[in-house]
């Protein structure tokens, strides 16, 4: 059965904007989402991408301004209207919390959306353990168990492996989806992901 491999980071605005739509696509196709949170900052360095803050002013204003505003409206995904206060905090703990939920089969779809929405709607600090515990409880997950697991060596090892895999597979950023090895970068490609789940596109990725 085809599944959707989902590379993203818990603080990613475009992952948030596409989150509900991704779940609708997966449910409609009867497919599972394989969550692969990764260290987006190391991943971007690993593929040689220009850091976001070093990109041209016009590109930044369009891709991280106008595009966000339009897609937020299009997907009905409300935003703060500004960059979250804690956006530059460490992202390791929330990403590992999601990996723990994936590994334990504990509400990972719901938890992923809850973290993304809390950060971009409510200005939540995803590096704060109490905040993460509250969000986990809110979706009915085992908050204490997931937080303990998130700090464990096995979960941290998966986090590093996800990041290494993202780099090796040329993942450009968050979110990126794979269907049977075919890569779709950006939540604006979710309709193509939906099509690929029932009718794969011709050709292959990477092109050889």
C-alpha atoms as a PDB file:
ATOM      1  CA  UNK A   1       0.000   0.000   0.000  1.00  0.00           C
ATOM      2  CA  UNK A   2       1.358   3.426  -0.955  1.00  0.00           C
ATOM      3  CA  UNK A   3       1.981   5.741   1.937  1.00  0.00           C
ATOM      4  CA  UNK A   4       2.899   9.391   2.107  1.00  0.00           C
ATOM      5  CA  UNK A   5       6.368  10.036   3.458  1.00  0.00           C
ATOM      6  CA  UNK A   6       6.193  13.429   5.127  1.00  0.00           C
ATOM      7  CA  UNK A   7       9.396  15.388   5.798  1.00  0.00           C
ATOM      8  CA  UNK A   8       8.769  18.544   7.811  1.00  0.00           C
ATOM      9  CA  UNK A   9       9.627  20.496  10.932  1.00  0.00           C
ATOM     10  CA  UNK A  10       7.287  21.291  13.797  1.00  0.00           C
ATOM     11  CA  UNK A  11       7.747  25.061  13.353  1.00  0.00           C
ATOM     12  CA  UNK A  12       7.251  25.206   9.560  1.00  0.00           C
ATOM     13  CA  UNK A  13       4.622  27.659   8.343  1.00  0.00           C
ATOM     14  CA  UNK A  14       3.974  25.872   5.076  1.00  0.00           C
ATOM     15  CA  UNK A  15       3.695  22.525   6.855  1.00  0.00           C
ATOM     16  CA  UNK A  16       1.055  24.164   9.052  1.00  0.00           C
ATOM     17  CA  UNK A  17      -0.841  25.640   6.117  1.00  0.00           C
ATOM     18  CA  UNK A  18      -0.980  22.261   4.388  1.00  0.00           C
ATOM     19  CA  UNK A  19      -1.496  20.118   7.480  1.00  0.00           C
ATOM     20  CA  UNK A  20      -5.262  19.641   7.369  1.00  0.00           C
ATOM     21  CA  UNK A  21      -5.266  19.209   3.611  1.00  0.00           C
ATOM     22  CA  UNK A  22      -2.589  16.516   3.853  1.00  0.00           C
ATOM     23  CA  UNK A  23      -4.721  14.573   6.310  1.00  0.00           C
ATOM     24  CA  UNK A  24      -7.760  14.912   4.042  1.00  0.00           C
ATOM     25  CA  UNK A  25      -5.730  13.629   1.092  1.00  0.00           C
ATOM     26  CA  UNK A  26      -4.435  10.654   3.055  1.00  0.00           C
ATOM     27  CA  UNK A  27      -7.843   9.774   4.467  1.00  0.00           C
ATOM     28  CA  UNK A  28      -9.529  10.095   1.086  1.00  0.00           C
ATOM     29  CA  UNK A  29      -7.037   7.696  -0.470  1.00  0.00           C
ATOM     30  CA  UNK A  30      -7.034   5.309   2.493  1.00  0.00           C
ATOM     31  CA  UNK A  31      -3.294   5.865   2.947  1.00  0.00           C
ATOM     32  CA  UNK A  32      -1.077   6.276   5.973  1.00  0.00           C
ATOM     33  CA  UNK A  33       1.157   9.267   6.604  1.00  0.00           C
ATOM     34  CA  UNK A  34       4.709   8.314   7.580  1.00  0.00           C
ATOM     35  CA  UNK A  35       5.876  11.291   9.619  1.00  0.00           C
ATOM     36  CA  UNK A  36       9.596  12.076   9.275  1.00  0.00           C
ATOM     37  CA  UNK A  37      10.307  15.239  11.249  1.00  0.00           C
ATOM     38  CA  UNK A  38      13.840  16.404  10.625  1.00  0.00           C
ATOM     39  CA  UNK A  39      16.296  19.158  11.532  1.00  0.00           C
ATOM     40  CA  UNK A  40      15.296  21.639   8.860  1.00  0.00           C
ATOM     41  CA  UNK A  41      18.184  23.975   9.613  1.00  0.00           C
ATOM     42  CA  UNK A  42      20.821  21.271   9.227  1.00  0.00           C
ATOM     43  CA  UNK A  43      18.949  19.839   6.277  1.00  0.00           C
ATOM     44  CA  UNK A  44      19.005  23.134   4.397  1.00  0.00           C
ATOM     45  CA  UNK A  45      22.727  23.468   5.004  1.00  0.00           C
ATOM     46  CA  UNK A  46      23.220  19.866   3.911  1.00  0.00           C
ATOM     47  CA  UNK A  47      21.737  20.427   0.449  1.00  0.00           C
ATOM     48  CA  UNK A  48      23.547  23.744  -0.029  1.00  0.00           C
ATOM     49  CA  UNK A  49      20.431  25.923   0.131  1.00  0.00           C
ATOM     50  CA  UNK A  50      20.754  29.646   0.786  1.00  0.00           C
ATOM     51  CA  UNK A  51      19.634  30.404   4.366  1.00  0.00           C
ATOM     52  CA  UNK A  52      16.209  32.003   4.393  1.00  0.00           C
ATOM     53  CA  UNK A  53      17.390  35.275   5.932  1.00  0.00           C
ATOM     54  CA  UNK A  54      20.106  35.614   3.281  1.00  0.00           C
ATOM     55  CA  UNK A  55      17.749  35.423   0.325  1.00  0.00           C
ATOM     56  CA  UNK A  56      16.913  38.503  -1.709  1.00  0.00           C
ATOM     57  CA  UNK A  57      14.399  40.989  -0.337  1.00  0.00           C
ATOM     58  CA  UNK A  58      12.009  40.490  -3.258  1.00  0.00           C
ATOM     59  CA  UNK A  59      12.093  36.691  -2.914  1.00  0.00           C
ATOM     60  CA  UNK A  60      11.584  36.910   0.843  1.00  0.00           C
ATOM     61  CA  UNK A  61       8.695  39.356   0.544  1.00  0.00           C
ATOM     62  CA  UNK A  62       6.950  37.170  -2.024  1.00  0.00           C
ATOM     63  CA  UNK A  63       7.577  33.629  -0.767  1.00  0.00           C
ATOM     64  CA  UNK A  64       7.416  34.393   2.957  1.00  0.00           C
ATOM     65  CA  UNK A  65       4.910  37.204   2.710  1.00  0.00           C
ATOM     66  CA  UNK A  66       2.398  37.272  -0.104  1.00  0.00           C
ATOM     67  CA  UNK A  67       2.427  33.508  -0.720  1.00  0.00           C
ATOM     68  CA  UNK A  68       1.876  32.749   2.957  1.00  0.00           C
ATOM     69  CA  UNK A  69      -1.016  35.210   3.140  1.00  0.00           C
ATOM     70  CA  UNK A  70      -2.709  33.804   0.034  1.00  0.00           C
ATOM     71  CA  UNK A  71      -2.255  30.152   0.949  1.00  0.00           C
ATOM     72  CA  UNK A  72      -3.421  30.815   4.505  1.00  0.00           C
ATOM     73  CA  UNK A  73      -6.639  32.225   3.078  1.00  0.00           C
ATOM     74  CA  UNK A  74      -6.954  29.488   0.454  1.00  0.00           C
ATOM     75  CA  UNK A  75      -6.503  26.636   2.947  1.00  0.00           C
ATOM     76  CA  UNK A  76      -8.484  28.440   5.682  1.00  0.00           C
ATOM     77  CA  UNK A  77      -5.493  28.188   8.016  1.00  0.00           C
ATOM     78  CA  UNK A  78      -5.478  31.287  10.260  1.00  0.00           C
ATOM     79  CA  UNK A  79      -2.156  32.934  11.137  1.00  0.00           C
ATOM     80  CA  UNK A  80      -0.895  35.315  13.794  1.00  0.00           C
ATOM     81  CA  UNK A  81      -0.115  37.918  11.171  1.00  0.00           C
ATOM     82  CA  UNK A  82       3.519  38.086  12.276  1.00  0.00           C
ATOM     83  CA  UNK A  83       6.511  35.855  12.856  1.00  0.00           C
ATOM     84  CA  UNK A  84       6.029  33.821  16.066  1.00  0.00           C
ATOM     85  CA  UNK A  85       7.947  35.157  19.065  1.00  0.00           C
ATOM     86  CA  UNK A  86       9.758  31.864  19.735  1.00  0.00           C
ATOM     87  CA  UNK A  87      10.371  30.839  16.127  1.00  0.00           C
ATOM     88  CA  UNK A  88      14.151  30.732  16.482  1.00  0.00           C
ATOM     89  CA  UNK A  89      14.159  28.497  19.562  1.00  0.00           C
ATOM     90  CA  UNK A  90      15.544  24.955  19.372  1.00  0.00           C
ATOM     91  CA  UNK A  91      13.289  22.675  17.320  1.00  0.00           C
ATOM     92  CA  UNK A  92      14.755  19.361  18.412  1.00  0.00           C
ATOM     93  CA  UNK A  93      12.339  18.605  21.240  1.00  0.00           C
ATOM     94  CA  UNK A  94       9.048  19.113  19.342  1.00  0.00           C
ATOM     95  CA  UNK A  95      10.372  17.219  16.338  1.00  0.00           C
ATOM     96  CA  UNK A  96      11.440  14.332  18.569  1.00  0.00           C
ATOM     97  CA  UNK A  97       8.080  14.422  20.346  1.00  0.00           C
ATOM     98  CA  UNK A  98       6.434  13.786  16.986  1.00  0.00           C
ATOM     99  CA  UNK A  99       8.873  11.003  16.170  1.00  0.00           C
ATOM    100  CA  UNK A 100       8.047   9.408  19.515  1.00  0.00           C
ATOM    101  CA  UNK A 101       4.340   9.642  18.682  1.00  0.00           C
ATOM    102  CA  UNK A 102       5.004   8.062  15.277  1.00  0.00           C
ATOM    103  CA  UNK A 103       6.999   5.212  16.804  1.00  0.00           C
ATOM    104  CA  UNK A 104       4.459   4.563  19.557  1.00  0.00           C
ATOM    105  CA  UNK A 105       1.386   4.913  17.330  1.00  0.00           C
ATOM    106  CA  UNK A 106       0.088   7.670  19.592  1.00  0.00           C
ATOM    107  CA  UNK A 107      -2.041  10.288  17.796  1.00  0.00           C
ATOM    108  CA  UNK A 108       0.785  11.531  15.577  1.00  0.00           C
ATOM    109  CA  UNK A 109      -1.446  13.100  12.904  1.00  0.00           C
ATOM    110  CA  UNK A 110      -3.447  15.036  15.473  1.00  0.00           C
ATOM    111  CA  UNK A 111      -0.386  15.993  17.487  1.00  0.00           C
ATOM    112  CA  UNK A 112       1.511  17.262  14.439  1.00  0.00           C
ATOM    113  CA  UNK A 113      -1.347  19.557  13.510  1.00  0.00           C
ATOM    114  CA  UNK A 114      -1.768  20.710  17.107  1.00  0.00           C
ATOM    115  CA  UNK A 115       1.903  21.757  17.376  1.00  0.00           C
ATOM    116  CA  UNK A 116       1.945  23.520  14.024  1.00  0.00           C
ATOM    117  CA  UNK A 117      -1.326  25.342  14.705  1.00  0.00           C
ATOM    118  CA  UNK A 118      -0.338  26.362  18.225  1.00  0.00           C
ATOM    119  CA  UNK A 119       2.896  27.889  16.956  1.00  0.00           C
ATOM    120  CA  UNK A 120       1.360  29.817  14.062  1.00  0.00           C
ATOM    121  CA  UNK A 121      -2.038  30.680  15.528  1.00  0.00           C
ATOM    122  CA  UNK A 122      -1.315  31.082  19.235  1.00  0.00           C
ATOM    123  CA  UNK A 123       2.392  32.040  19.344  1.00  0.00           C
ATOM    124  CA  UNK A 124       3.238  28.870  21.312  1.00  0.00           C
ATOM    125  CA  UNK A 125       6.822  28.166  22.309  1.00  0.00           C
ATOM    126  CA  UNK A 126       7.430  24.646  21.002  1.00  0.00           C
ATOM    127  CA  UNK A 127      10.681  24.388  22.948  1.00  0.00           C
ATOM    128  CA  UNK A 128       8.734  24.600  26.223  1.00  0.00           C
ATOM    129  CA  UNK A 129       8.026  21.217  27.789  1.00  0.00           C
ATOM    130  CA  UNK A 130       4.890  22.371  29.616  1.00  0.00           C
ATOM    131  CA  UNK A 131       3.457  23.694  26.355  1.00  0.00           C
ATOM    132  CA  UNK A 132       4.193  20.435  24.568  1.00  0.00           C
ATOM    133  CA  UNK A 133       2.629  18.445  27.403  1.00  0.00           C
ATOM    134  CA  UNK A 134      -0.516  20.564  27.243  1.00  0.00           C
ATOM    135  CA  UNK A 135      -0.792  20.151  23.482  1.00  0.00           C
ATOM    136  CA  UNK A 136      -0.263  16.392  23.691  1.00  0.00           C
ATOM    137  CA  UNK A 137      -2.929  16.024  26.356  1.00  0.00           C
ATOM    138  CA  UNK A 138      -5.246  18.126  24.210  1.00  0.00           C
ATOM    139  CA  UNK A 139      -5.270  15.466  21.490  1.00  0.00           C
ATOM    140  CA  UNK A 140      -5.494  12.575  23.942  1.00  0.00           C
ATOM    141  CA  UNK A 141      -1.855  11.488  23.654  1.00  0.00           C
ATOM    142  CA  UNK A 142       0.364  10.239  26.479  1.00  0.00           C
ATOM    143  CA  UNK A 143       2.132  13.519  27.178  1.00  0.00           C
ATOM    144  CA  UNK A 144       4.518  12.303  29.858  1.00  0.00           C
ATOM    145  CA  UNK A 145       5.424   9.133  28.000  1.00  0.00           C
ATOM    146  CA  UNK A 146       6.055  11.001  24.753  1.00  0.00           C
ATOM    147  CA  UNK A 147       8.198  13.646  26.421  1.00  0.00           C
ATOM    148  CA  UNK A 148      10.289  10.984  28.123  1.00  0.00           C
ATOM    149  CA  UNK A 149      10.705   9.125  24.844  1.00  0.00           C
ATOM    150  CA  UNK A 150      11.574  12.342  22.997  1.00  0.00           C
ATOM    151  CA  UNK A 151      14.693  12.705  25.153  1.00  0.00           C
ATOM    152  CA  UNK A 152      15.826   9.127  24.616  1.00  0.00           C
ATOM    153  CA  UNK A 153      18.792   8.068  22.510  1.00  0.00           C
ATOM    154  CA  UNK A 154      16.722   5.870  20.161  1.00  0.00           C
ATOM    155  CA  UNK A 155      14.366   8.724  19.262  1.00  0.00           C
ATOM    156  CA  UNK A 156      17.236  11.190  18.868  1.00  0.00           C
ATOM    157  CA  UNK A 157      18.937   8.664  16.595  1.00  0.00           C
ATOM    158  CA  UNK A 158      15.820   8.511  14.388  1.00  0.00           C
ATOM    159  CA  UNK A 159      15.790  12.314  14.261  1.00  0.00           C
ATOM    160  CA  UNK A 160      19.372  12.359  13.015  1.00  0.00           C
ATOM    161  CA  UNK A 161      18.618   9.555  10.560  1.00  0.00           C
ATOM    162  CA  UNK A 162      15.590  11.461   9.212  1.00  0.00           C
ATOM    163  CA  UNK A 163      17.792  14.499   8.679  1.00  0.00           C
ATOM    164  CA  UNK A 164      20.513  12.492   6.960  1.00  0.00           C
ATOM    165  CA  UNK A 165      17.873  10.860   4.768  1.00  0.00           C
ATOM    166  CA  UNK A 166      16.366  14.223   3.861  1.00  0.00           C
ATOM    167  CA  UNK A 167      19.779  15.462   2.757  1.00  0.00           C
ATOM    168  CA  UNK A 168      20.554  12.312   0.783  1.00  0.00           C
ATOM    169  CA  UNK A 169      17.180  12.500  -0.986  1.00  0.00           C
ATOM    170  CA  UNK A 170      17.560  16.201  -1.853  1.00  0.00           C
ATOM    171  CA  UNK A 171      14.656  17.359   0.294  1.00  0.00           C
ATOM    172  CA  UNK A 172      14.486  21.104  -0.411  1.00  0.00           C
ATOM    173  CA  UNK A 173      12.541  22.135   2.667  1.00  0.00           C
ATOM    174  CA  UNK A 174       9.423  21.715   4.770  1.00  0.00           C
ATOM    175  CA  UNK A 175       7.037  20.227   3.875  1.00  0.00           C
ATOM    176  CA  UNK A 176       8.171  17.649   1.350  1.00  0.00           C
ATOM    177  CA  UNK A 177       6.152  14.563   0.470  1.00  0.00           C
ATOM    178  CA  UNK A 178       7.102  11.320  -1.267  1.00  0.00           C
ATOM    179  CA  UNK A 179       4.684   8.895  -2.913  1.00  0.00           C
ATOM    180  CA  UNK A 180       6.414   5.699  -4.045  1.00  0.00           C
ATOM    181  CA  UNK A 181       9.704   7.582  -4.287  1.00  0.00           C
ATOM    182  CA  UNK A 182       8.312  10.509  -6.284  1.00  0.00           C
ATOM    183  CA  UNK A 183       9.071  13.788  -4.501  1.00  0.00           C
ATOM    184  CA  UNK A 184       6.639  16.697  -4.149  1.00  0.00           C
ATOM    185  CA  UNK A 185       8.068  19.804  -2.492  1.00  0.00           C
ATOM    186  CA  UNK A 186       5.686  22.254  -0.871  1.00  0.00           C
ATOM    187  CA  UNK A 187       2.109  22.111   0.347  1.00  0.00           C
ATOM    188  CA  UNK A 188       1.036  23.712  -2.921  1.00  0.00           C
ATOM    189  CA  UNK A 189       1.667  20.289  -4.510  1.00  0.00           C
ATOM    190  CA  UNK A 190      -0.811  18.418  -2.302  1.00  0.00           C
ATOM    191  CA  UNK A 191      -3.316  18.114  -5.132  1.00  0.00           C
ATOM    192  CA  UNK A 192      -0.588  16.394  -7.156  1.00  0.00           C
ATOM    193  CA  UNK A 193       0.130  14.129  -4.179  1.00  0.00           C
ATOM    194  CA  UNK A 194      -3.575  13.265  -4.155  1.00  0.00           C
ATOM    195  CA  UNK A 195      -3.458  12.334  -7.822  1.00  0.00           C
ATOM    196  CA  UNK A 196      -0.230  10.313  -7.426  1.00  0.00           C
ATOM    197  CA  UNK A 197      -1.810   8.135  -4.750  1.00  0.00           C
ATOM    198  CA  UNK A 198      -4.293   6.771  -7.279  1.00  0.00           C
ATOM    199  CA  UNK A 199      -2.581   7.433 -10.606  1.00  0.00           C
ATOM    200  CA  UNK A 200       1.212   7.810 -10.462  1.00  0.00           C
ATOM    201  CA  UNK A 201       2.825  10.325 -12.788  1.00  0.00           C
ATOM    202  CA  UNK A 202       4.936   9.075 -15.643  1.00  0.00           C
ATOM    203  CA  UNK A 203       8.712   9.144 -15.256  1.00  0.00           C
ATOM    204  CA  UNK A 204      10.645   8.828 -12.066  1.00  0.00           C
ATOM    205  CA  UNK A 205      12.548  10.791  -9.443  1.00  0.00           C
ATOM    206  CA  UNK A 206      15.398  11.289  -9.300  1.00  0.00           C
ATOM    207  CA  UNK A 207      15.813  11.579 -13.040  1.00  0.00           C
ATOM    208  CA  UNK A 208      18.563   9.196 -14.185  1.00  0.00           C
END
